[in-house]
C-alpha atoms as a PDB file:
ATOM      1  CA  MET A   1      -5.626  12.224  -4.179  1.00  0.00           C
ATOM      2  CA  ASP A   2      -6.582   9.053  -6.074  1.00  0.00           C
ATOM      3  CA  LYS A   3      -9.150   6.650  -4.670  1.00  0.00           C
ATOM      4  CA  ILE A   4      -8.869   2.992  -5.670  1.00  0.00           C
ATOM      5  CA  LYS A   5     -10.994  -0.095  -5.027  1.00  0.00           C
ATOM      6  CA  PHE A   6      -9.715  -3.487  -3.913  1.00  0.00           C
ATOM      7  CA  VAL A   7     -11.543  -6.783  -3.619  1.00  0.00           C
ATOM      8  CA  THR A   8     -10.662  -8.817  -0.518  1.00  0.00           C
ATOM      9  CA  ASP A   9     -10.234 -12.590  -0.495  1.00  0.00           C
ATOM     10  CA  GLU A  10     -13.786 -12.742   0.888  1.00  0.00           C
ATOM     11  CA  GLY A  11     -15.100 -10.791  -2.127  1.00  0.00           C
ATOM     12  CA  GLU A  12     -15.695  -7.559  -0.202  1.00  0.00           C
ATOM     13  CA  THR A  13     -14.895  -4.288  -1.993  1.00  0.00           C
ATOM     14  CA  VAL A  14     -12.757  -1.869   0.011  1.00  0.00           C
ATOM     15  CA  GLU A  15     -11.827   1.659  -1.065  1.00  0.00           C
ATOM     16  CA  PHE A  16      -8.515   3.276  -0.220  1.00  0.00           C
ATOM     17  CA  TYR A  17      -7.006   6.700  -0.811  1.00  0.00           C
ATOM     18  CA  VAL A  18      -3.532   6.500  -2.326  1.00  0.00           C
ATOM     19  CA  GLU A  19      -1.313   8.798  -0.281  1.00  0.00           C
ATOM     20  CA  GLU A  20       1.980   7.890  -1.962  1.00  0.00           C
ATOM     21  CA  GLN A  21       3.529   5.253  -4.201  1.00  0.00           C
ATOM     22  CA  THR A  22       7.051   4.082  -4.876  1.00  0.00           C
ATOM     23  CA  ARG A  23       9.029   1.293  -6.521  1.00  0.00           C
ATOM     24  CA  VAL A  24      11.781  -0.517  -4.587  1.00  0.00           C
ATOM     25  CA  ASN A  25      13.866  -3.353  -6.040  1.00  0.00           C
ATOM     26  CA  GLY A  26      11.375  -3.821  -8.876  1.00  0.00           C
ATOM     27  CA  THR A  27       8.296  -4.020  -6.607  1.00  0.00           C
ATOM     28  CA  ASP A  28       5.570  -1.369  -6.543  1.00  0.00           C
ATOM     29  CA  TYR A  29       4.336  -0.226  -3.127  1.00  0.00           C
ATOM     30  CA  LEU A  30       1.371   1.953  -2.189  1.00  0.00           C
ATOM     31  CA  LEU A  31       0.811   3.908   1.001  1.00  0.00           C
ATOM     32  CA  VAL A  32      -2.975   4.015   1.456  1.00  0.00           C
ATOM     33  CA  THR A  33      -5.615   5.116   3.962  1.00  0.00           C
ATOM     34  CA  ASP A  34      -9.242   4.056   4.180  1.00  0.00           C
ATOM     35  CA  SER A  35     -10.329   7.612   5.084  1.00  0.00           C
ATOM     36  CA  MET A  36      -8.774  11.052   5.132  1.00  0.00           C
ATOM     37  CA  ASP A  37      -8.169  10.948   8.923  1.00  0.00           C
ATOM     38  CA  ASP A  38      -7.282   7.280   9.486  1.00  0.00           C
ATOM     39  CA  GLU A  39      -4.080   5.299   9.819  1.00  0.00           C
ATOM     40  CA  ALA A  40      -2.020   4.370   6.788  1.00  0.00           C
ATOM     41  CA  TYR A  41      -1.297   0.899   5.404  1.00  0.00           C
ATOM     42  CA  ILE A  42       1.370  -0.350   3.019  1.00  0.00           C
ATOM     43  CA  LEU A  43       0.397  -2.551   0.083  1.00  0.00           C
ATOM     44  CA  LYS A  44       2.693  -4.229  -2.422  1.00  0.00           C
ATOM     45  CA  ASP A  45       2.065  -5.482  -5.933  1.00  0.00           C
ATOM     46  CA  SER A  46       2.407  -9.266  -5.927  1.00  0.00           C
ATOM     47  CA  SER A  47       1.388  -9.768  -9.573  1.00  0.00           C
ATOM     48  CA  GLU A  48       3.636 -11.014 -12.349  1.00  0.00           C
ATOM     49  CA  GLU A  49       4.630  -8.715 -15.214  1.00  0.00           C
ATOM     50  CA  THR A  50       2.424 -10.741 -17.587  1.00  0.00           C
ATOM     51  CA  ASP A  51      -0.693 -10.377 -15.382  1.00  0.00           C
ATOM     52  CA  PRO A  52      -3.295  -8.019 -16.886  1.00  0.00           C
ATOM     53  CA  GLU A  53      -3.951  -6.297 -13.533  1.00  0.00           C
ATOM     54  CA  ALA A  54      -1.937  -5.476 -10.435  1.00  0.00           C
ATOM     55  CA  ASP A  55      -2.573  -7.669  -7.387  1.00  0.00           C
ATOM     56  CA  TYR A  56      -1.887  -5.643  -4.234  1.00  0.00           C
ATOM     57  CA  VAL A  57      -1.580  -7.304  -0.833  1.00  0.00           C
ATOM     58  CA  MET A  58      -0.940  -5.892   2.638  1.00  0.00           C
ATOM     59  CA  VAL A  59       2.716  -6.015   3.643  1.00  0.00           C
ATOM     60  CA  GLU A  60       2.794  -8.359   6.646  1.00  0.00           C
ATOM     61  CA  ASP A  61       6.490  -9.257   6.935  1.00  0.00           C
ATOM     62  CA  ASP A  62       7.840  -7.203   9.869  1.00  0.00           C
ATOM     63  CA  VAL A  63      11.240  -6.533   8.279  1.00  0.00           C
ATOM     64  CA  GLU A  64       9.730  -5.467   4.948  1.00  0.00           C
ATOM     65  CA  LEU A  65       7.062  -3.400   6.704  1.00  0.00           C
ATOM     66  CA  GLU A  66       9.631  -1.561   8.814  1.00  0.00           C
ATOM     67  CA  ALA A  67      11.853  -0.882   5.787  1.00  0.00           C
ATOM     68  CA  MET A  68       8.967   0.432   3.684  1.00  0.00           C
ATOM     69  CA  SER A  69       7.667   2.477   6.623  1.00  0.00           C
ATOM     70  CA  LYS A  70      11.011   4.255   6.706  1.00  0.00           C
ATOM     71  CA  VAL A  71      10.895   4.865   2.944  1.00  0.00           C
ATOM     72  CA  PHE A  72       7.393   6.333   3.093  1.00  0.00           C
ATOM     73  CA  SER A  73       8.192   8.303   6.260  1.00  0.00           C
ATOM     74  CA  GLN A  74      11.007   9.996   4.394  1.00  0.00           C
ATOM     75  CA  MET A  75       8.599  10.797   1.570  1.00  0.00           C
ATOM     76  CA  MET A  76       5.891  12.160   3.897  1.00  0.00           C
ATOM     77  CA  ASP A  77       6.108  13.931   7.245  1.00  0.00           C
ATOM     78  CA  ASP A  78       2.807  13.354   9.063  1.00  0.00           C
ATOM     79  CA  VAL A  79       1.583   9.829   8.304  1.00  0.00           C
ATOM     80  CA  ASP A  80       0.910   7.285  11.064  1.00  0.00           C
ATOM     81  CA  ILE A  81       1.712   3.935   9.418  1.00  0.00           C
ATOM     82  CA  GLU A  82      -0.049   0.852  10.830  1.00  0.00           C
ATOM     83  CA  MET A  83       2.385  -1.887  11.822  1.00  0.00           C
END
């Protein structure tokens, strides 16, 4: 399982384990956890194609979060996704 680092808006570094990833309608999504036993979160890439690095943000829109939760739930059986 890959471990990646993110920098918050406050400049804090946070590490996540990537549980799964997918691409829907041209947008990349990650299902991540902050520890092996914790709840899962869904991040989406909000960067432009010309940006040198991906810019992942937490999915906060309820409709988008529910839709992506269903996608990831189909991909994985036993993940508790934070909504």
